[in-house]
PDB file of all heavy atoms in Angstrom:
ATOM      1  N   THR A   1    -103.960  36.611  45.035  1.00  0.00           N
ATOM      2  CA  THR A   1    -103.741  37.948  45.582  1.00  0.00           C
ATOM      3  C   THR A   1    -104.800  38.942  45.157  1.00  0.00           C
ATOM      4  O   THR A   1    -104.798  40.086  45.623  1.00  0.00           O
ATOM      5  CB  THR A   1    -102.365  38.483  45.141  1.00  0.00           C
ATOM      6  OG1 THR A   1    -102.307  38.509  43.705  1.00  0.00           O
ATOM      7  CG2 THR A   1    -101.250  37.603  45.672  1.00  0.00           C
ATOM      8  N   ASN A   2    -105.687  38.553  44.252  1.00  0.00           N
ATOM      9  CA  ASN A   2    -106.759  39.413  43.779  1.00  0.00           C
ATOM     10  C   ASN A   2    -106.226  40.686  43.121  1.00  0.00           C
ATOM     11  O   ASN A   2    -106.772  41.773  43.309  1.00  0.00           O
ATOM     12  CB  ASN A   2    -107.708  39.793  44.925  1.00  0.00           C
ATOM     13  CG  ASN A   2    -109.164  39.658  44.519  1.00  0.00           C
ATOM     14  OD1 ASN A   2    -109.529  40.028  43.419  1.00  0.00           O
ATOM     15  ND2 ASN A   2    -109.982  39.131  45.421  1.00  0.00           N
ATOM     16  N   GLN A   3    -105.163  40.552  42.320  1.00  0.00           N
ATOM     17  CA  GLN A   3    -104.567  41.675  41.616  1.00  0.00           C
ATOM     18  C   GLN A   3    -104.906  41.570  40.132  1.00  0.00           C
ATOM     19  O   GLN A   3    -104.868  40.481  39.555  1.00  0.00           O
ATOM     20  CB  GLN A   3    -103.048  41.695  41.811  1.00  0.00           C
ATOM     21  CG  GLN A   3    -102.615  41.872  43.258  1.00  0.00           C
ATOM     22  CD  GLN A   3    -103.043  43.224  43.817  1.00  0.00           C
ATOM     23  OE1 GLN A   3    -102.629  44.269  43.328  1.00  0.00           O
ATOM     24  NE2 GLN A   3    -103.879  43.186  44.851  1.00  0.00           N
ATOM     25  N   VAL A   4    -105.219  42.718  39.530  1.00  0.00           N
ATOM     26  CA  VAL A   4    -105.613  42.771  38.127  1.00  0.00           C
ATOM     27  C   VAL A   4    -104.490  43.406  37.312  1.00  0.00           C
ATOM     28  O   VAL A   4    -103.979  44.481  37.675  1.00  0.00           O
ATOM     29  CB  VAL A   4    -106.916  43.577  37.944  1.00  0.00           C
ATOM     30  CG1 VAL A   4    -107.287  43.662  36.457  1.00  0.00           C
ATOM     31  CG2 VAL A   4    -108.043  42.947  38.734  1.00  0.00           C
ATOM     32  N   THR A   5    -104.112  42.734  36.232  1.00  0.00           N
ATOM     33  CA  THR A   5    -103.161  43.265  35.258  1.00  0.00           C
ATOM     34  C   THR A   5    -103.918  43.454  33.946  1.00  0.00           C
ATOM     35  O   THR A   5    -104.586  42.534  33.476  1.00  0.00           O
ATOM     36  CB  THR A   5    -101.982  42.300  35.058  1.00  0.00           C
ATOM     37  OG1 THR A   5    -101.366  42.046  36.327  1.00  0.00           O
ATOM     38  CG2 THR A   5    -100.971  42.877  34.090  1.00  0.00           C
ATOM     39  N   HIS A   6    -103.812  44.647  33.337  1.00  0.00           N
ATOM     40  CA  HIS A   6    -104.631  44.920  32.154  1.00  0.00           C
ATOM     41  C   HIS A   6    -103.849  45.683  31.107  1.00  0.00           C
ATOM     42  O   HIS A   6    -102.868  46.388  31.423  1.00  0.00           O
ATOM     43  CB  HIS A   6    -105.877  45.710  32.548  1.00  0.00           C
ATOM     44  CG  HIS A   6    -105.583  47.132  32.959  1.00  0.00           C
ATOM     45  ND1 HIS A   6    -105.014  47.462  34.174  1.00  0.00           N
ATOM     46  CD2 HIS A   6    -105.774  48.318  32.304  1.00  0.00           C
ATOM     47  CE1 HIS A   6    -104.877  48.770  34.265  1.00  0.00           C
ATOM     48  NE2 HIS A   6    -105.331  49.323  33.147  1.00  0.00           N
ATOM     49  N   VAL A   7    -104.300  45.540  29.885  1.00  0.00           N
ATOM     50  CA  VAL A   7    -103.791  46.304  28.746  1.00  0.00           C
ATOM     51  C   VAL A   7    -104.984  46.678  27.884  1.00  0.00           C
ATOM     52  O   VAL A   7    -106.053  46.072  27.981  1.00  0.00           O
ATOM     53  CB  VAL A   7    -102.764  45.490  27.911  1.00  0.00           C
ATOM     54  CG1 VAL A   7    -101.530  45.175  28.722  1.00  0.00           C
ATOM     55  CG2 VAL A   7    -103.411  44.211  27.373  1.00  0.00           C
ATOM     56  N   TYR A   8    -104.796  47.687  27.030  1.00  0.00           N
ATOM     57  CA  TYR A   8    -105.830  48.089  26.088  1.00  0.00           C
ATOM     58  C   TYR A   8    -105.445  47.559  24.710  1.00  0.00           C
ATOM     59  O   TYR A   8    -104.304  47.740  24.240  1.00  0.00           O
ATOM     60  CB  TYR A   8    -105.974  49.604  26.057  1.00  0.00           C
ATOM     61  CG  TYR A   8    -106.459  50.155  27.376  1.00  0.00           C
ATOM     62  CD1 TYR A   8    -105.572  50.713  28.290  1.00  0.00           C
ATOM     63  CD2 TYR A   8    -107.801  50.101  27.722  1.00  0.00           C
ATOM     64  CE1 TYR A   8    -106.003  51.211  29.507  1.00  0.00           C
ATOM     65  CE2 TYR A   8    -108.252  50.604  28.940  1.00  0.00           C
ATOM     66  CZ  TYR A   8    -107.347  51.149  29.825  1.00  0.00           C
ATOM     67  OH  TYR A   8    -107.785  51.627  31.030  1.00  0.00           O
ATOM     68  N   SER A   9    -106.395  46.896  24.056  1.00  0.00           N
ATOM     69  CA  SER A   9    -106.127  46.220  22.795  1.00  0.00           C
ATOM     70  C   SER A   9    -106.916  46.872  21.672  1.00  0.00           C
ATOM     71  O   SER A   9    -108.001  47.429  21.888  1.00  0.00           O
ATOM     72  CB  SER A   9    -106.495  44.736  22.886  1.00  0.00           C
ATOM     73  OG  SER A   9    -105.847  44.121  23.991  1.00  0.00           O
ATOM     74  N   ALA A  10    -106.347  46.764  20.480  1.00  0.00           N
ATOM     75  CA  ALA A  10    -107.050  47.254  19.295  1.00  0.00           C
ATOM     76  C   ALA A  10    -108.018  46.214  18.760  1.00  0.00           C
ATOM     77  O   ALA A  10    -109.042  46.555  18.167  1.00  0.00           O
ATOM     78  CB  ALA A  10    -106.043  47.648  18.212  1.00  0.00           C
ATOM     79  N   ASN A  11    -107.691  44.925  18.967  1.00  0.00           N
ATOM     80  CA  ASN A  11    -108.538  43.838  18.483  1.00  0.00           C
ATOM     81  C   ASN A  11    -108.473  42.691  19.474  1.00  0.00           C
ATOM     82  O   ASN A  11    -107.601  42.635  20.350  1.00  0.00           O
ATOM     83  CB  ASN A  11    -108.068  43.356  17.102  1.00  0.00           C
ATOM     84  CG  ASN A  11    -108.173  44.428  16.038  1.00  0.00           C
ATOM     85  OD1 ASN A  11    -109.256  44.797  15.627  1.00  0.00           O
ATOM     86  ND2 ASN A  11    -107.029  44.950  15.603  1.00  0.00           N
ATOM     87  N   LYS A  12    -109.392  41.759  19.304  1.00  0.00           N
ATOM     88  CA  LYS A  12    -109.355  40.518  20.060  1.00  0.00           C
ATOM     89  C   LYS A  12    -108.690  39.466  19.183  1.00  0.00           C
ATOM     90  O   LYS A  12    -109.334  38.897  18.290  1.00  0.00           O
ATOM     91  CB  LYS A  12    -110.766  40.071  20.442  1.00  0.00           C
ATOM     92  CG  LYS A  12    -111.476  40.975  21.430  1.00  0.00           C
ATOM     93  CD  LYS A  12    -112.835  40.418  21.794  1.00  0.00           C
ATOM     94  CE  LYS A  12    -113.563  41.283  22.796  1.00  0.00           C
ATOM     95  NZ  LYS A  12    -114.884  40.717  23.172  1.00  0.00           N
ATOM     96  N   ASN A  13    -107.405  39.214  19.413  1.00  0.00           N
ATOM     97  CA  ASN A  13    -106.686  38.253  18.593  1.00  0.00           C
ATOM     98  C   ASN A  13    -105.542  37.648  19.386  1.00  0.00           C
ATOM     99  O   ASN A  13    -105.306  37.987  20.554  1.00  0.00           O
ATOM    100  CB  ASN A  13    -106.173  38.904  17.304  1.00  0.00           C
ATOM    101  CG  ASN A  13    -105.358  40.166  17.581  1.00  0.00           C
ATOM    102  OD1 ASN A  13    -104.718  40.282  18.627  1.00  0.00           O
ATOM    103  ND2 ASN A  13    -105.378  41.101  16.645  1.00  0.00           N
ATOM    104  N   THR A  14    -104.818  36.764  18.737  1.00  0.00           N
ATOM    105  CA  THR A  14    -103.726  36.040  19.402  1.00  0.00           C
ATOM    106  C   THR A  14    -102.596  36.983  19.780  1.00  0.00           C
ATOM    107  O   THR A  14    -101.958  36.812  20.836  1.00  0.00           O
ATOM    108  CB  THR A  14    -103.218  34.937  18.475  1.00  0.00           C
ATOM    109  OG1 THR A  14    -104.298  34.046  18.176  1.00  0.00           O
ATOM    110  CG2 THR A  14    -102.102  34.144  19.128  1.00  0.00           C
ATOM    111  N   ALA A  15    -102.317  37.974  18.950  1.00  0.00           N
ATOM    112  CA  ALA A  15    -101.221  38.893  19.245  1.00  0.00           C
ATOM    113  C   ALA A  15    -101.434  39.621  20.562  1.00  0.00           C
ATOM    114  O   ALA A  15    -100.487  39.810  21.344  1.00  0.00           O
ATOM    115  CB  ALA A  15    -101.074  39.893  18.096  1.00  0.00           C
ATOM    116  N   GLU A  16    -102.660  40.029  20.847  1.00  0.00           N
ATOM    117  CA  GLU A  16    -102.945  40.710  22.107  1.00  0.00           C
ATOM    118  C   GLU A  16    -102.809  39.758  23.290  1.00  0.00           C
ATOM    119  O   GLU A  16    -102.373  40.160  24.379  1.00  0.00           O
ATOM    120  CB  GLU A  16    -104.345  41.317  22.058  1.00  0.00           C
ATOM    121  CG  GLU A  16    -104.527  42.384  20.999  1.00  0.00           C
ATOM    122  CD  GLU A  16    -103.628  43.575  21.225  1.00  0.00           C
ATOM    123  OE1 GLU A  16    -103.283  43.847  22.394  1.00  0.00           O
ATOM    124  OE2 GLU A  16    -103.247  44.230  20.242  1.00  0.00           O
ATOM    125  N   MET A  17    -103.193  38.487  23.112  1.00  0.00           N
ATOM    126  CA  MET A  17    -103.003  37.510  24.176  1.00  0.00           C
ATOM    127  C   MET A  17    -101.519  37.323  24.477  1.00  0.00           C
ATOM    128  O   MET A  17    -101.103  37.250  25.635  1.00  0.00           O
ATOM    129  CB  MET A  17    -103.633  36.175  23.767  1.00  0.00           C
ATOM    130  CG  MET A  17    -105.141  36.096  23.901  1.00  0.00           C
ATOM    131  SD  MET A  17    -105.683  36.091  25.637  1.00  0.00           S
ATOM    132  CE  MET A  17    -106.140  37.802  25.817  1.00  0.00           C
ATOM    133  N   ILE A  18    -100.716  37.245  23.423  1.00  0.00           N
ATOM    134  CA  ILE A  18     -99.262  37.082  23.623  1.00  0.00           C
ATOM    135  C   ILE A  18     -98.694  38.296  24.346  1.00  0.00           C
ATOM    136  O   ILE A  18     -97.848  38.168  25.247  1.00  0.00           O
ATOM    137  CB  ILE A  18     -98.579  36.858  22.263  1.00  0.00           C
ATOM    138  CG1 ILE A  18     -99.016  35.512  21.670  1.00  0.00           C
ATOM    139  CG2 ILE A  18     -97.060  36.918  22.398  1.00  0.00           C
ATOM    140  CD1 ILE A  18     -98.473  35.238  20.282  1.00  0.00           C
ATOM    141  N   ARG A  19     -99.167  39.498  23.992  1.00  0.00           N
ATOM    142  CA  ARG A  19     -98.668  40.708  24.651  1.00  0.00           C
ATOM    143  C   ARG A  19     -99.005  40.705  26.139  1.00  0.00           C
ATOM    144  O   ARG A  19     -98.176  41.064  26.984  1.00  0.00           O
ATOM    145  CB  ARG A  19     -99.275  41.942  23.978  1.00  0.00           C
ATOM    146  CG  ARG A  19     -98.755  43.272  24.506  1.00  0.00           C
ATOM    147  CD  ARG A  19     -99.023  44.383  23.504  1.00  0.00           C
ATOM    148  NE  ARG A  19    -100.433  44.697  23.432  1.00  0.00           N
ATOM    149  CZ  ARG A  19    -101.004  45.713  24.116  1.00  0.00           C
ATOM    150  NH1 ARG A  19    -100.264  46.465  24.916  1.00  0.00           N
ATOM    151  NH2 ARG A  19    -102.281  45.959  23.971  1.00  0.00           N
ATOM    152  N   LEU A  20    -100.229  40.271  26.509  1.00  0.00           N
ATOM    153  CA  LEU A  20    -100.606  40.218  27.919  1.00  0.00           C
ATOM    154  C   LEU A  20     -99.793  39.164  28.657  1.00  0.00           C
ATOM    155  O   LEU A  20     -99.330  39.391  29.795  1.00  0.00           O
ATOM    156  CB  LEU A  20    -102.102  39.929  28.056  1.00  0.00           C
ATOM    157  CG  LEU A  20    -102.636  39.783  29.472  1.00  0.00           C
ATOM    158  CD1 LEU A  20    -102.464  41.066  30.264  1.00  0.00           C
ATOM    159  CD2 LEU A  20    -104.102  39.361  29.471  1.00  0.00           C
ATOM    160  N   ILE A  21     -99.559  38.001  28.031  1.00  0.00           N
ATOM    161  CA  ILE A  21     -98.797  36.936  28.701  1.00  0.00           C
ATOM    162  C   ILE A  21     -97.357  37.377  28.920  1.00  0.00           C
ATOM    163  O   ILE A  21     -96.738  37.065  29.961  1.00  0.00           O
ATOM    164  CB  ILE A  21     -98.874  35.638  27.881  1.00  0.00           C
ATOM    165  CG1 ILE A  21    -100.330  35.142  27.820  1.00  0.00           C
ATOM    166  CG2 ILE A  21     -97.991  34.557  28.494  1.00  0.00           C
ATOM    167  CD1 ILE A  21    -100.537  33.978  26.886  1.00  0.00           C
ATOM    168  N   GLU A  22     -96.772  38.105  27.979  1.00  0.00           N
ATOM    169  CA  GLU A  22     -95.412  38.607  28.172  1.00  0.00           C
ATOM    170  C   GLU A  22     -95.337  39.546  29.365  1.00  0.00           C
ATOM    171  O   GLU A  22     -94.375  39.518  30.144  1.00  0.00           O
ATOM    172  CB  GLU A  22     -94.948  39.325  26.895  1.00  0.00           C
ATOM    173  CG  GLU A  22     -94.665  38.377  25.731  1.00  0.00           C
ATOM    174  CD  GLU A  22     -94.297  39.138  24.463  1.00  0.00           C
ATOM    175  OE1 GLU A  22     -94.570  40.367  24.404  1.00  0.00           O
ATOM    176  OE2 GLU A  22     -93.757  38.518  23.530  1.00  0.00           O
ATOM    177  N   ILE A  23     -96.360  40.394  29.532  1.00  0.00           N
ATOM    178  CA  ILE A  23     -96.391  41.279  30.695  1.00  0.00           C
ATOM    179  C   ILE A  23     -96.495  40.471  31.985  1.00  0.00           C
ATOM    180  O   ILE A  23     -95.826  40.771  32.995  1.00  0.00           O
ATOM    181  CB  ILE A  23     -97.556  42.271  30.562  1.00  0.00           C
ATOM    182  CG1 ILE A  23     -97.333  43.194  29.368  1.00  0.00           C
ATOM    183  CG2 ILE A  23     -97.727  43.082  31.841  1.00  0.00           C
ATOM    184  CD1 ILE A  23     -98.499  44.118  29.086  1.00  0.00           C
ATOM    185  N   LEU A  24     -97.306  39.406  31.965  1.00  0.00           N
ATOM    186  CA  LEU A  24     -97.469  38.576  33.172  1.00  0.00           C
ATOM    187  C   LEU A  24     -96.180  37.846  33.516  1.00  0.00           C
ATOM    188  O   LEU A  24     -95.803  37.740  34.696  1.00  0.00           O
ATOM    189  CB  LEU A  24     -98.616  37.578  32.972  1.00  0.00           C
ATOM    190  CG  LEU A  24    -100.026  38.167  32.836  1.00  0.00           C
ATOM    191  CD1 LEU A  24    -101.039  37.069  32.575  1.00  0.00           C
ATOM    192  CD2 LEU A  24    -100.410  38.933  34.097  1.00  0.00           C
ATOM    193  N   THR A  25     -95.473  37.313  32.506  1.00  0.00           N
ATOM    194  CA  THR A  25     -94.221  36.596  32.790  1.00  0.00           C
ATOM    195  C   THR A  25     -93.161  37.531  33.341  1.00  0.00           C
ATOM    196  O   THR A  25     -92.326  37.122  34.169  1.00  0.00           O
ATOM    197  CB  THR A  25     -93.715  35.920  31.512  1.00  0.00           C
ATOM    198  OG1 THR A  25     -93.607  36.910  30.468  1.00  0.00           O
ATOM    199  CG2 THR A  25     -94.662  34.814  31.075  1.00  0.00           C
ATOM    200  N   THR A  26     -93.179  38.785  32.914  1.00  0.00           N
ATOM    201  CA  THR A  26     -92.216  39.753  33.462  1.00  0.00           C
ATOM    202  C   THR A  26     -92.604  40.161  34.879  1.00  0.00           C
ATOM    203  O   THR A  26     -91.742  40.257  35.776  1.00  0.00           O
ATOM    204  CB  THR A  26     -92.155  40.996  32.550  1.00  0.00           C
ATOM    205  OG1 THR A  26     -91.799  40.599  31.223  1.00  0.00           O
ATOM    206  CG2 THR A  26     -91.138  41.997  33.070  1.00  0.00           C
ATOM    207  N   LYS A  27     -93.903  40.416  35.100  1.00  0.00           N
ATOM    208  CA  LYS A  27     -94.365  40.867  36.419  1.00  0.00           C
ATOM    209  C   LYS A  27     -94.252  39.763  37.462  1.00  0.00           C
ATOM    210  O   LYS A  27     -93.940  40.023  38.631  1.00  0.00           O
ATOM    211  CB  LYS A  27     -95.803  41.346  36.299  1.00  0.00           C
ATOM    212  CG  LYS A  27     -96.377  41.948  37.565  1.00  0.00           C
ATOM    213  CD  LYS A  27     -97.772  42.486  37.329  1.00  0.00           C
ATOM    214  CE  LYS A  27     -98.356  43.095  38.590  1.00  0.00           C
ATOM    215  NZ  LYS A  27     -99.729  43.630  38.351  1.00  0.00           N
TER     216      LYS A  27
END
């Protein structure tokens, strides 16, 4: 669908990846 889902992160780490995946599973 060419749709972008984004978040702003404080660091590049596993916790931020988990936060983005949780948003994707909900959306």
